[in-house]
Amino acid sequence: MRECGLSRSLTQYASVSFCALMLAGCAVGPDFHRPAAPVTSYVQGGLPKSSGGRATSQSAQDGDQVFRTGADIPADWWKLFHYPELDQLLKRVLARNPSLEAAKQSLYAAQQDKLASESALYPSVSGYFNPARFKTSRAYSNVPMANSWLYNVHTAQLNISYSPDLWGGVRRQVEAAAAEREGQKYQLEAAWLTLTSSAVDAAISYAMVREEIAVTNVLIDQQEKVLHSMEMQQKLGDVSMADLAQQQTLLAQTRATLPTLNQTLAALHDEIAALANDLPDQPTPEFELARFTLPAELPVSLPAQLINQRPDIKTAEADYHVACAHVGVAIANRLPNVQLGFSPGFAAASIAQMAAPGFGQWELAAMLTEPLFDGFELQHQETGARRRYDEAAAQYRSTITTAIEDVADSLNAVHNDSDMLIQTENAAEAATRSAGISQAQLRLGDVSRVTMLNAQQTELQAKLALAQAQGARLSDTVGLFQSLGGGWWNRVDDPANHPKAGGKKRSPQKS
């Protein structure tokens, strides 16, 4: 009879479990659907074919850059600048930067959190063994003078519990954890993109400031020569004290710019060292502005591609997905729940008796719970989850708008910098011709030495502006690569594809 009753109980338990699993096929709450890609253009009237630079130029920073709509971006896009020392710097930065390592470890932790959330889908099994010795009072003994008040009890038992996911609340939690893991993945990609862009931009700025310092030193030397010549002429009465004082002021102002440039150069040196996790005493490659080659072709992704490439958009999408899943969790928490339990075990006076018939015990139970009144806590939690869902949707749309604006600004900057560089280069060429003419006139005695030196100062100031324009065009090209996502999806060593991050080793492909 006991075996028959146990069999019926187990059959009922299996039937309840089967029904619960059947009910678990649905999940309450909204299903996440990825929003449609925007249909728009970055520039009014359509994207131009090129940046509008010189078709042929001897300058490495003054060429015409062709826009390739829909072209893919290489992962190592900085190699398009054709600067070997820059490649070596990026390798060192990517291998040693602690912020990138922190983002990688955070991704691995998020994957473990996702796996931990899945454990609620399975039964929970625990076991214990409890040997105990008891002594009871003679007053409780049924047989006088018996030794029954001293006895041992050895208890071994398994506790098996299972909460069927009737309304899909657990699966929504797993869904939220998986989306959080995706968000952490794209935060890693964002850290990689920010790190590479910052390193390249710092190298360009370092080269530009070095050029500015070199030109400023030459300019100071020329102004000192002009001042010396004017002092000689003032003694002869050919130059007034007011003109002499004006030249002294100009020289002092030019000298005053040098400490600021040196401070900027030192700060850039420290930034480059910090990006590579080096101490400031480590040398920085002597980057030269003239050695950077402006990329002749610029891949420009379509807005529909941009939502797959920008890490900030993908992170916002993951946050949107998390908020959607949390609505389902909040709804499920308000619905009835079932708790199933089964506790088989043995209780005997000795361990040897556990193998004998009649000492087994078990308990089979089911419990139905339903929130009745909690001060409207669960209702408010569901309402809050829905509002956060709406907030995440708005944040997602805002992120897309900001990203498209970022790309548009970068394209406009590349185009306008091209025009600015052409005009600045024309001004520098004109100033160079003027200085050459002044030198020829000086040899013929047609102009004074002061006039010739002033022409040379104008030439140097034009070259200073040219260096700034060249650096700006290179930096804005970096900005365009960054605004388009930087090609992280083409990485072959992406930690997000590592098994510890929940990824699979696969060939590079677009996201």
Protein backbone atom coordinates (compact mmCIF):
# COMPACT_ATOMS: atom_id res chain seq x y z
CA MET A 1 0.00 0.00 0.00
CA ARG A 2 2.82 2.40 0.81
CA GLU A 3 4.55 1.71 -2.48
CA CYS A 4 1.26 2.19 -4.30
CA GLY A 5 0.63 5.49 -2.50
CA LEU A 6 4.15 6.69 -3.22
CA SER A 7 3.71 5.80 -6.87
CA ARG A 8 0.47 7.77 -7.07
CA SER A 9 2.09 10.75 -5.33
CA LEU A 10 5.04 10.76 -7.68
CA THR A 11 2.66 10.49 -10.64
CA GLN A 12 0.69 13.46 -9.36
CA TYR A 13 3.92 15.38 -8.80
CA ALA A 14 5.05 14.65 -12.34
CA SER A 15 1.64 15.68 -13.68
CA VAL A 16 1.75 19.00 -11.83
CA SER A 17 5.29 19.59 -13.04
CA PHE A 18 4.30 18.81 -16.62
CA CYS A 19 1.34 21.18 -16.47
CA ALA A 20 3.56 23.87 -14.99
CA LEU A 21 6.07 23.45 -17.79
CA MET A 22 3.27 23.69 -20.35
CA LEU A 23 2.07 26.91 -18.77
CA ALA A 24 5.64 28.21 -18.79
CA GLY A 25 5.50 28.46 -22.57
CA CYS A 26 4.18 32.02 -22.29
CA ALA A 27 5.81 35.06 -20.73
CA VAL A 28 3.89 38.11 -19.57
CA GLY A 29 4.94 41.61 -20.51
CA PRO A 30 5.87 43.19 -23.84
CA ASP A 31 8.18 41.38 -26.22
CA PHE A 32 11.13 43.51 -27.29
CA HIS A 33 11.19 44.51 -30.93
CA ARG A 34 14.16 46.38 -32.29
CA PRO A 35 13.13 49.80 -33.60
CA ALA A 36 13.39 50.40 -37.34
CA ALA A 37 16.53 52.02 -38.69
CA PRO A 38 16.27 55.73 -39.54
CA VAL A 39 15.88 56.76 -43.16
CA THR A 40 17.73 60.03 -43.52
CA SER A 41 20.83 61.71 -44.93
CA TYR A 42 23.70 63.29 -43.07
CA VAL A 43 23.89 66.38 -45.29
CA GLN A 44 21.17 68.42 -46.97
CA GLY A 45 21.14 67.74 -50.69
CA GLY A 46 23.03 64.48 -50.27
CA LEU A 47 26.60 63.60 -49.40
CA PRO A 48 29.22 65.19 -51.71
CA LYS A 49 31.61 62.93 -53.56
CA SER A 50 34.71 64.33 -51.89
CA SER A 51 35.95 66.74 -49.27
CA GLY A 52 36.85 69.31 -51.92
CA GLY A 53 40.62 69.42 -51.34
CA ARG A 54 43.25 69.81 -54.01
CA ALA A 55 43.08 67.11 -56.67
CA THR A 56 46.87 66.96 -56.78
CA SER A 57 49.02 68.27 -53.98
CA GLN A 58 52.56 67.89 -52.76
CA SER A 59 51.36 68.20 -49.16
CA ALA A 60 50.47 65.00 -47.30
CA GLN A 61 47.60 66.83 -45.57
CA ASP A 62 46.17 68.77 -48.52
CA GLY A 63 44.79 66.03 -50.78
CA ASP A 64 41.24 65.48 -51.91
CA GLN A 65 39.45 62.91 -49.73
CA VAL A 66 36.85 60.83 -51.55
CA PHE A 67 33.74 59.79 -49.59
CA ARG A 68 32.87 56.10 -50.13
CA THR A 69 29.23 55.73 -49.14
CA GLY A 70 28.46 52.36 -47.57
CA ALA A 71 32.11 51.25 -47.51
CA ASP A 72 33.30 49.25 -44.52
CA ILE A 73 35.75 50.61 -41.95
CA PRO A 74 38.84 48.56 -41.09
CA ALA A 75 39.42 47.75 -37.44
CA ASP A 76 42.93 49.23 -37.55
CA TRP A 77 41.79 52.40 -39.34
CA TRP A 78 44.73 54.38 -37.96
CA LYS A 79 47.01 52.54 -40.38
CA LEU A 80 45.49 54.67 -43.14
CA PHE A 81 47.72 57.50 -41.87
CA HIS A 82 50.78 55.42 -42.87
CA TYR A 83 52.85 56.24 -39.80
CA PRO A 84 54.73 53.18 -38.42
CA GLU A 85 55.45 54.77 -35.02
CA LEU A 86 51.72 55.45 -34.65
CA ASP A 87 50.97 51.77 -35.28
CA GLN A 88 53.47 50.77 -32.60
CA LEU A 89 51.94 53.23 -30.14
CA LEU A 90 48.44 51.84 -30.72
CA LYS A 91 49.66 48.28 -30.18
CA ARG A 92 51.18 49.29 -26.87
CA VAL A 93 48.10 51.24 -25.80
CA LEU A 94 45.70 48.40 -26.61
CA ALA A 95 47.89 45.86 -24.83
CA ARG A 96 48.50 47.85 -21.64
CA ASN A 97 45.65 50.29 -21.01
CA PRO A 98 43.99 49.48 -17.64
CA SER A 99 40.63 51.03 -18.55
CA LEU A 100 40.27 48.59 -21.44
CA GLU A 101 41.20 45.70 -19.16
CA ALA A 102 38.62 46.88 -16.60
CA ALA A 103 35.90 46.96 -19.26
CA LYS A 104 36.90 43.46 -20.36
CA GLN A 105 36.64 42.07 -16.82
CA SER A 106 33.30 43.82 -16.36
CA LEU A 107 32.03 42.04 -19.47
CA TYR A 108 33.18 38.67 -18.11
CA ALA A 109 31.39 39.41 -14.81
CA ALA A 110 28.20 40.35 -16.68
CA GLN A 111 28.31 37.00 -18.46
CA GLN A 112 28.50 35.22 -15.10
CA ASP A 113 25.56 37.27 -13.84
CA LYS A 114 23.59 36.17 -16.89
CA LEU A 115 24.44 32.51 -16.27
CA ALA A 116 23.56 32.90 -12.58
CA SER A 117 20.12 34.25 -13.48
CA GLU A 118 19.43 31.10 -15.53
CA SER A 119 19.76 28.91 -12.41
CA ALA A 120 16.23 29.93 -11.34
CA LEU A 121 14.86 27.95 -14.28
CA TYR A 122 16.03 24.65 -12.76
CA PRO A 123 15.10 22.77 -9.57
CA SER A 124 17.11 23.47 -6.47
CA VAL A 125 18.58 20.41 -4.76
CA SER A 126 20.33 20.38 -1.40
CA GLY A 127 21.18 17.58 0.99
CA TYR A 128 22.18 17.19 4.59
CA PHE A 129 23.24 14.48 7.03
CA ASN A 130 22.58 15.05 10.73
CA PRO A 131 23.89 12.52 13.31
CA ALA A 132 22.52 13.34 16.78
CA ARG A 133 22.40 11.77 20.27
CA PHE A 134 19.49 12.53 22.61
CA LYS A 135 18.74 12.05 26.29
CA THR A 136 15.22 12.40 27.58
CA SER A 137 13.88 12.48 31.11
CA ARG A 138 12.76 9.27 32.86
CA ALA A 139 9.38 10.96 33.18
CA TYR A 140 8.88 10.56 29.44
CA SER A 141 9.93 6.89 29.35
CA ASN A 142 7.11 4.36 28.96
CA VAL A 143 9.10 1.47 30.45
CA PRO A 144 10.43 2.01 33.99
CA MET A 145 14.17 1.41 34.47
CA ALA A 146 14.57 1.19 30.67
CA ASN A 147 17.39 2.84 28.89
CA SER A 148 15.11 4.37 26.28
CA TRP A 149 15.89 7.91 27.32
CA LEU A 150 19.31 7.56 25.64
CA TYR A 151 19.18 7.08 21.87
CA ASN A 152 20.81 8.09 18.57
CA VAL A 153 19.16 9.39 15.41
CA HIS A 154 20.95 9.60 12.05
CA THR A 155 19.03 11.66 9.50
CA ALA A 156 19.96 11.94 5.82
CA GLN A 157 17.70 13.88 3.51
CA LEU A 158 17.48 15.61 0.15
CA ASN A 159 15.49 18.83 -0.26
CA ILE A 160 14.25 19.32 -3.82
CA SER A 161 12.30 22.45 -4.61
CA TYR A 162 11.10 23.90 -7.85
CA SER A 163 9.12 26.99 -8.76
CA PRO A 164 7.63 26.62 -12.24
CA ASP A 165 8.00 29.75 -14.30
CA LEU A 166 4.25 29.98 -14.86
CA TRP A 167 4.20 33.54 -16.16
CA GLY A 168 7.70 33.83 -17.59
CA GLY A 169 8.99 36.17 -14.89
CA VAL A 170 12.21 34.19 -14.48
CA ARG A 171 12.72 34.05 -18.22
CA ARG A 172 12.22 37.81 -18.36
CA GLN A 173 14.92 38.15 -15.68
CA VAL A 174 17.22 35.99 -17.79
CA GLU A 175 16.34 38.10 -20.81
CA ALA A 176 17.20 41.26 -18.87
CA ALA A 177 20.52 39.77 -17.70
CA ALA A 178 21.38 38.78 -21.28
CA ALA A 179 20.59 42.31 -22.47
CA GLU A 180 22.72 43.75 -19.68
CA ARG A 181 25.53 41.51 -20.83
CA GLU A 182 25.07 42.88 -24.36
CA GLY A 183 25.16 46.41 -23.01
CA GLN A 184 28.41 45.65 -21.20
CA LYS A 185 29.82 44.22 -24.41
CA TYR A 186 29.16 47.46 -26.24
CA GLN A 187 30.60 49.47 -23.37
CA LEU A 188 33.78 47.48 -23.97
CA GLU A 189 33.62 48.38 -27.67
CA ALA A 190 33.02 52.01 -26.72
CA ALA A 191 36.08 51.95 -24.46
CA TRP A 192 38.14 50.48 -27.32
CA LEU A 193 36.87 53.15 -29.74
CA THR A 194 37.48 56.01 -27.30
CA LEU A 195 40.93 54.69 -26.46
CA THR A 196 42.12 54.30 -30.06
CA SER A 197 40.66 57.65 -31.13
CA SER A 198 42.20 59.44 -28.15
CA ALA A 199 45.62 57.91 -28.81
CA VAL A 200 45.64 58.86 -32.50
CA ASP A 201 44.31 62.34 -31.80
CA ALA A 202 46.90 62.85 -29.04
CA ALA A 203 49.70 61.83 -31.43
CA ILE A 204 48.46 64.29 -34.06
CA SER A 205 48.12 67.08 -31.51
CA TYR A 206 51.61 66.28 -30.20
CA ALA A 207 53.04 66.63 -33.72
CA MET A 208 51.10 69.84 -34.34
CA VAL A 209 52.29 71.48 -31.11
CA ARG A 210 55.89 70.46 -31.87
CA GLU A 211 55.54 72.18 -35.25
CA GLU A 212 54.04 75.26 -33.61
CA ILE A 213 56.93 75.43 -31.15
CA ALA A 214 59.50 75.13 -33.93
CA VAL A 215 57.83 77.87 -36.00
CA THR A 216 57.41 80.08 -32.92
CA ASN A 217 61.11 79.77 -32.06
CA VAL A 218 62.02 80.85 -35.59
CA LEU A 219 59.50 83.68 -35.37
CA ILE A 220 61.01 84.86 -32.08
CA ASP A 221 64.45 84.77 -33.68
CA GLN A 222 63.21 86.90 -36.60
CA GLN A 223 61.51 89.37 -34.27
CA GLU A 224 64.68 89.70 -32.21
CA LYS A 225 66.58 90.53 -35.41
CA VAL A 226 63.97 93.12 -36.33
CA LEU A 227 64.20 94.63 -32.84
CA HIS A 228 67.98 94.75 -33.02
CA SER A 229 67.82 96.46 -36.43
CA MET A 230 65.23 98.96 -35.17
CA GLU A 231 67.37 99.76 -32.12
CA MET A 232 70.28 100.58 -34.43
CA GLN A 233 68.03 102.73 -36.62
CA GLN A 234 66.55 104.46 -33.57
CA LYS A 235 70.03 105.52 -32.50
CA LEU A 236 70.48 107.04 -35.94
CA GLY A 237 67.08 108.74 -35.70
CA ASP A 238 65.44 106.70 -38.47
CA VAL A 239 62.93 104.94 -36.14
CA SER A 240 60.78 106.53 -33.47
CA MET A 241 60.57 105.32 -29.89
CA ALA A 242 56.90 104.44 -30.45
CA ASP A 243 57.78 102.05 -33.30
CA LEU A 244 60.56 100.54 -31.21
CA ALA A 245 58.21 100.02 -28.25
CA GLN A 246 55.66 98.41 -30.56
CA GLN A 247 58.23 95.89 -31.76
CA GLN A 248 59.32 95.17 -28.19
CA THR A 249 55.69 94.50 -27.28
CA LEU A 250 55.26 92.18 -30.28
CA LEU A 251 58.37 90.20 -29.30
CA ALA A 252 57.22 89.89 -25.68
CA GLN A 253 53.79 88.67 -26.80
CA THR A 254 55.32 86.04 -29.07
CA ARG A 255 57.64 84.85 -26.31
CA ALA A 256 54.64 84.61 -23.96
CA THR A 257 53.02 82.00 -26.22
CA LEU A 258 55.99 79.66 -25.91
CA PRO A 259 55.46 78.53 -22.27
CA THR A 260 51.82 77.71 -23.06
CA LEU A 261 52.88 75.62 -26.05
CA ASN A 262 55.52 73.84 -23.98
CA GLN A 263 52.95 73.13 -21.27
CA THR A 264 50.53 71.75 -23.88
CA LEU A 265 53.27 69.55 -25.30
CA ALA A 266 54.14 68.23 -21.84
CA ALA A 267 50.47 67.52 -21.12
CA LEU A 268 50.15 65.61 -24.41
CA HIS A 269 53.27 63.63 -23.55
CA ASP A 270 51.74 62.69 -20.19
CA GLU A 271 48.42 61.79 -21.84
CA ILE A 272 50.12 59.47 -24.34
CA ALA A 273 52.11 57.85 -21.53
CA ALA A 274 48.95 57.37 -19.44
CA LEU A 275 47.07 55.81 -22.36
CA ALA A 276 49.84 53.23 -22.66
CA ASN A 277 49.96 52.78 -18.86
CA ASP A 278 53.48 54.20 -18.78
CA LEU A 279 55.03 56.64 -16.33
CA PRO A 280 55.70 60.20 -17.51
CA ASP A 281 59.45 59.54 -17.65
CA GLN A 282 58.94 57.25 -20.65
CA PRO A 283 59.84 58.89 -23.98
CA THR A 284 57.16 59.77 -26.50
CA PRO A 285 57.77 59.10 -30.22
CA GLU A 286 58.82 62.33 -31.90
CA PHE A 287 55.78 62.60 -34.12
CA GLU A 288 56.15 64.98 -37.06
CA LEU A 289 53.16 66.58 -38.71
CA ALA A 290 54.59 66.27 -42.22
CA ARG A 291 54.89 62.47 -41.90
CA PHE A 292 51.16 61.91 -41.39
CA THR A 293 49.43 60.95 -44.63
CA LEU A 294 45.85 62.07 -45.02
CA PRO A 295 43.63 59.08 -45.97
CA ALA A 296 42.65 59.47 -49.62
CA GLU A 297 39.35 57.60 -49.16
CA LEU A 298 36.92 57.93 -46.28
CA PRO A 299 34.30 55.20 -45.78
CA VAL A 300 30.96 56.73 -44.81
CA SER A 301 28.39 54.32 -43.40
CA LEU A 302 24.72 54.78 -44.16
CA PRO A 303 22.46 55.85 -41.27
CA ALA A 304 20.87 52.39 -41.39
CA GLN A 305 24.33 50.88 -40.82
CA LEU A 306 25.18 53.36 -38.11
CA ILE A 307 22.80 51.81 -35.58
CA ASN A 308 24.81 48.58 -35.81
CA GLN A 309 28.19 50.30 -35.59
CA ARG A 310 27.96 52.96 -32.91
CA PRO A 311 28.60 51.41 -29.47
CA ASP A 312 26.54 54.11 -27.76
CA ILE A 313 23.50 53.23 -29.91
CA LYS A 314 23.96 49.52 -29.22
CA THR A 315 24.30 50.23 -25.49
CA ALA A 316 21.12 52.32 -25.54
CA GLU A 317 19.37 49.50 -27.40
CA ALA A 318 20.50 47.02 -24.74
CA ASP A 319 19.20 49.34 -21.99
CA TYR A 320 15.91 49.57 -23.89
CA HIS A 321 15.74 45.77 -23.99
CA VAL A 322 16.51 45.51 -20.26
CA ALA A 323 13.70 47.95 -19.42
CA CYS A 324 11.30 45.97 -21.60
CA ALA A 325 12.13 42.70 -19.82
CA HIS A 326 11.75 44.32 -16.39
CA VAL A 327 8.13 45.16 -17.23
CA GLY A 328 7.44 41.44 -17.63
CA VAL A 329 9.20 40.71 -14.33
CA ALA A 330 7.05 43.31 -12.55
CA ILE A 331 3.84 41.87 -14.01
CA ALA A 332 4.80 38.28 -13.10
CA ASN A 333 5.47 39.31 -9.50
CA ARG A 334 1.78 40.27 -9.14
CA LEU A 335 0.45 36.89 -10.32
CA PRO A 336 -0.04 33.59 -8.43
CA ASN A 337 2.97 31.35 -8.04
CA VAL A 338 3.47 27.67 -7.29
CA GLN A 339 6.22 26.19 -5.12
CA LEU A 340 6.82 22.42 -5.44
CA GLY A 341 8.86 20.47 -2.92
CA PHE A 342 10.01 16.88 -2.48
CA SER A 343 12.15 15.73 0.47
CA PRO A 344 13.18 12.03 0.42
CA GLY A 345 15.46 10.72 3.17
CA PHE A 346 16.22 8.27 5.98
CA ALA A 347 16.04 8.45 9.77
CA ALA A 348 17.55 5.59 11.82
CA ALA A 349 19.22 4.87 15.11
CA SER A 350 22.42 3.84 13.31
CA ILE A 351 23.93 4.33 9.93
CA ALA A 352 23.64 0.60 9.21
CA GLN A 353 19.85 0.74 9.68
CA MET A 354 19.55 3.20 6.78
CA ALA A 355 19.95 0.31 4.35
CA ALA A 356 17.17 -1.67 6.03
CA PRO A 357 13.50 -1.41 5.03
CA GLY A 358 11.17 0.76 7.04
CA PHE A 359 13.52 3.61 7.90
CA GLY A 360 12.84 5.72 4.78
CA GLN A 361 10.81 8.92 4.88
CA TRP A 362 9.68 11.50 2.36
CA GLU A 363 7.54 14.58 2.03
CA LEU A 364 5.81 15.81 -1.10
CA ALA A 365 4.22 19.27 -1.00
CA ALA A 366 2.94 22.05 -3.20
CA MET A 367 2.22 25.61 -2.17
CA LEU A 368 0.25 28.25 -4.03
CA THR A 369 0.99 31.89 -3.21
CA GLU A 370 -0.83 35.01 -4.32
CA PRO A 371 -0.11 38.59 -3.22
CA LEU A 372 -3.28 39.96 -1.62
CA PHE A 373 -2.31 43.32 -0.20
CA ASP A 374 1.13 44.91 0.06
CA GLY A 375 0.27 48.58 0.22
CA PHE A 376 0.21 48.70 -3.61
CA GLU A 377 3.97 48.11 -3.69
CA LEU A 378 3.88 45.67 -6.62
CA GLN A 379 1.48 47.87 -8.55
CA HIS A 380 3.78 50.86 -8.17
CA GLN A 381 6.77 48.74 -9.17
CA GLU A 382 5.00 47.71 -12.37
CA THR A 383 4.03 51.30 -13.14
CA GLY A 384 7.61 52.41 -12.51
CA ALA A 385 8.94 49.66 -14.79
CA ARG A 386 6.63 50.81 -17.57
CA ARG A 387 7.77 54.41 -17.16
CA ARG A 388 11.41 53.35 -17.26
CA TYR A 389 10.59 51.41 -20.41
CA ASP A 390 9.22 54.60 -21.99
CA GLU A 391 12.27 56.49 -20.75
CA ALA A 392 14.64 53.95 -22.32
CA ALA A 393 12.75 54.22 -25.62
CA ALA A 394 13.16 58.00 -25.59
CA GLN A 395 16.84 57.69 -24.66
CA TYR A 396 17.34 55.26 -27.54
CA ARG A 397 15.79 57.68 -30.04
CA SER A 398 17.83 60.53 -28.60
CA THR A 399 21.06 58.52 -28.92
CA ILE A 400 20.37 57.84 -32.60
CA THR A 401 19.68 61.52 -33.23
CA THR A 402 22.89 62.52 -31.45
CA ALA A 403 24.91 59.93 -33.38
CA ILE A 404 23.61 61.12 -36.75
CA GLU A 405 24.32 64.70 -35.73
CA ASP A 406 27.84 63.67 -34.71
CA VAL A 407 28.53 62.12 -38.11
CA ALA A 408 27.06 65.16 -39.89
CA ASP A 409 29.26 67.50 -37.84
CA SER A 410 32.33 65.37 -38.61
CA LEU A 411 31.56 65.40 -42.36
CA ASN A 412 31.07 69.16 -42.31
CA ALA A 413 34.30 69.59 -40.35
CA VAL A 414 36.24 67.49 -42.89
CA HIS A 415 34.79 69.51 -45.77
CA ASN A 416 35.29 72.93 -44.11
CA ASP A 417 38.78 72.04 -42.90
CA SER A 418 39.66 71.19 -46.48
CA ASP A 419 38.61 74.67 -47.60
CA MET A 420 40.36 76.26 -44.62
CA LEU A 421 43.57 74.36 -45.32
CA ILE A 422 43.55 75.42 -48.98
CA GLN A 423 43.10 79.08 -48.05
CA THR A 424 45.73 78.86 -45.31
CA GLU A 425 48.16 77.19 -47.67
CA ASN A 426 47.52 79.86 -50.30
CA ALA A 427 48.23 82.51 -47.67
CA ALA A 428 51.44 80.74 -46.66
CA GLU A 429 52.56 80.47 -50.31
CA ALA A 430 51.83 84.17 -50.86
CA ALA A 431 53.73 85.10 -47.69
CA THR A 432 56.68 82.98 -48.83
CA ARG A 433 56.72 84.73 -52.23
CA SER A 434 56.51 88.10 -50.51
CA ALA A 435 59.44 87.23 -48.25
CA GLY A 436 61.45 86.10 -51.29
CA ILE A 437 60.71 89.34 -53.11
CA SER A 438 61.71 91.38 -50.04
CA GLN A 439 65.02 89.54 -49.86
CA ALA A 440 65.69 90.26 -53.54
CA GLN A 441 64.76 93.92 -53.06
CA LEU A 442 67.05 94.13 -50.05
CA ARG A 443 69.95 92.89 -52.13
CA LEU A 444 69.16 95.66 -54.69
CA GLY A 445 68.78 98.28 -51.98
CA ASP A 446 65.07 98.93 -52.70
CA VAL A 447 63.80 98.11 -49.17
CA SER A 448 65.19 98.30 -45.69
CA ARG A 449 66.24 95.31 -43.66
CA VAL A 450 63.30 95.92 -41.31
CA THR A 451 60.84 95.58 -44.20
CA MET A 452 62.44 92.31 -45.24
CA LEU A 453 62.34 90.94 -41.69
CA ASN A 454 58.71 91.95 -41.31
CA ALA A 455 57.91 90.01 -44.47
CA GLN A 456 59.66 86.98 -43.03
CA GLN A 457 57.61 87.33 -39.82
CA THR A 458 54.45 87.35 -41.87
CA GLU A 459 55.64 84.19 -43.61
CA LEU A 460 56.30 82.43 -40.30
CA GLN A 461 52.93 83.46 -38.88
CA ALA A 462 51.27 82.05 -42.00
CA LYS A 463 53.21 78.80 -41.53
CA LEU A 464 52.06 78.70 -37.91
CA ALA A 465 48.44 78.98 -39.07
CA LEU A 466 49.15 76.32 -41.71
CA ALA A 467 50.41 73.86 -39.11
CA GLN A 468 47.25 74.41 -37.07
CA ALA A 469 45.06 73.88 -40.14
CA GLN A 470 46.90 70.68 -41.07
CA GLY A 471 46.55 69.33 -37.55
CA ALA A 472 42.85 70.25 -37.48
CA ARG A 473 42.20 68.38 -40.73
CA LEU A 474 43.95 65.26 -39.46
CA SER A 475 42.09 65.44 -36.14
CA ASP A 476 38.72 65.89 -37.82
CA THR A 477 39.46 62.85 -40.00
CA VAL A 478 40.01 60.91 -36.77
CA GLY A 479 36.73 62.36 -35.50
CA LEU A 480 34.90 61.03 -38.56
CA PHE A 481 36.24 57.51 -38.01
CA GLN A 482 35.22 57.74 -34.36
CA SER A 483 31.72 59.03 -35.13
CA LEU A 484 31.17 56.13 -37.54
CA GLY A 485 32.10 53.51 -34.94
CA GLY A 486 35.77 52.89 -35.71
CA GLY A 487 35.44 49.43 -37.27
CA TRP A 488 35.37 47.47 -33.98
CA TRP A 489 33.13 44.83 -35.63
CA ASN A 490 36.06 43.81 -37.85
CA ARG A 491 38.36 43.01 -34.92
CA VAL A 492 39.78 39.51 -34.90
CA ASP A 493 40.87 39.74 -31.25
CA ASP A 494 37.65 41.11 -29.81
CA PRO A 495 37.34 40.01 -26.14
CA ALA A 496 33.55 40.10 -26.56
CA ASN A 497 33.85 36.95 -28.68
CA HIS A 498 35.82 35.11 -26.00
CA PRO A 499 34.07 32.14 -24.34
CA LYS A 500 34.44 33.82 -20.94
CA ALA A 501 32.30 36.65 -22.27
CA GLY A 502 29.66 34.29 -23.63
CA GLY A 503 30.81 34.77 -27.21
CA LYS A 504 31.98 32.27 -29.78
CA LYS A 505 35.16 32.32 -31.75
CA ARG A 506 34.12 33.13 -35.28
CA SER A 507 35.37 34.90 -38.36
CA PRO A 508 34.92 38.68 -38.40
CA GLN A 509 31.54 39.82 -39.58
CA LYS A 510 29.40 42.88 -39.40
CA SER A 511 27.24 43.33 -36.36
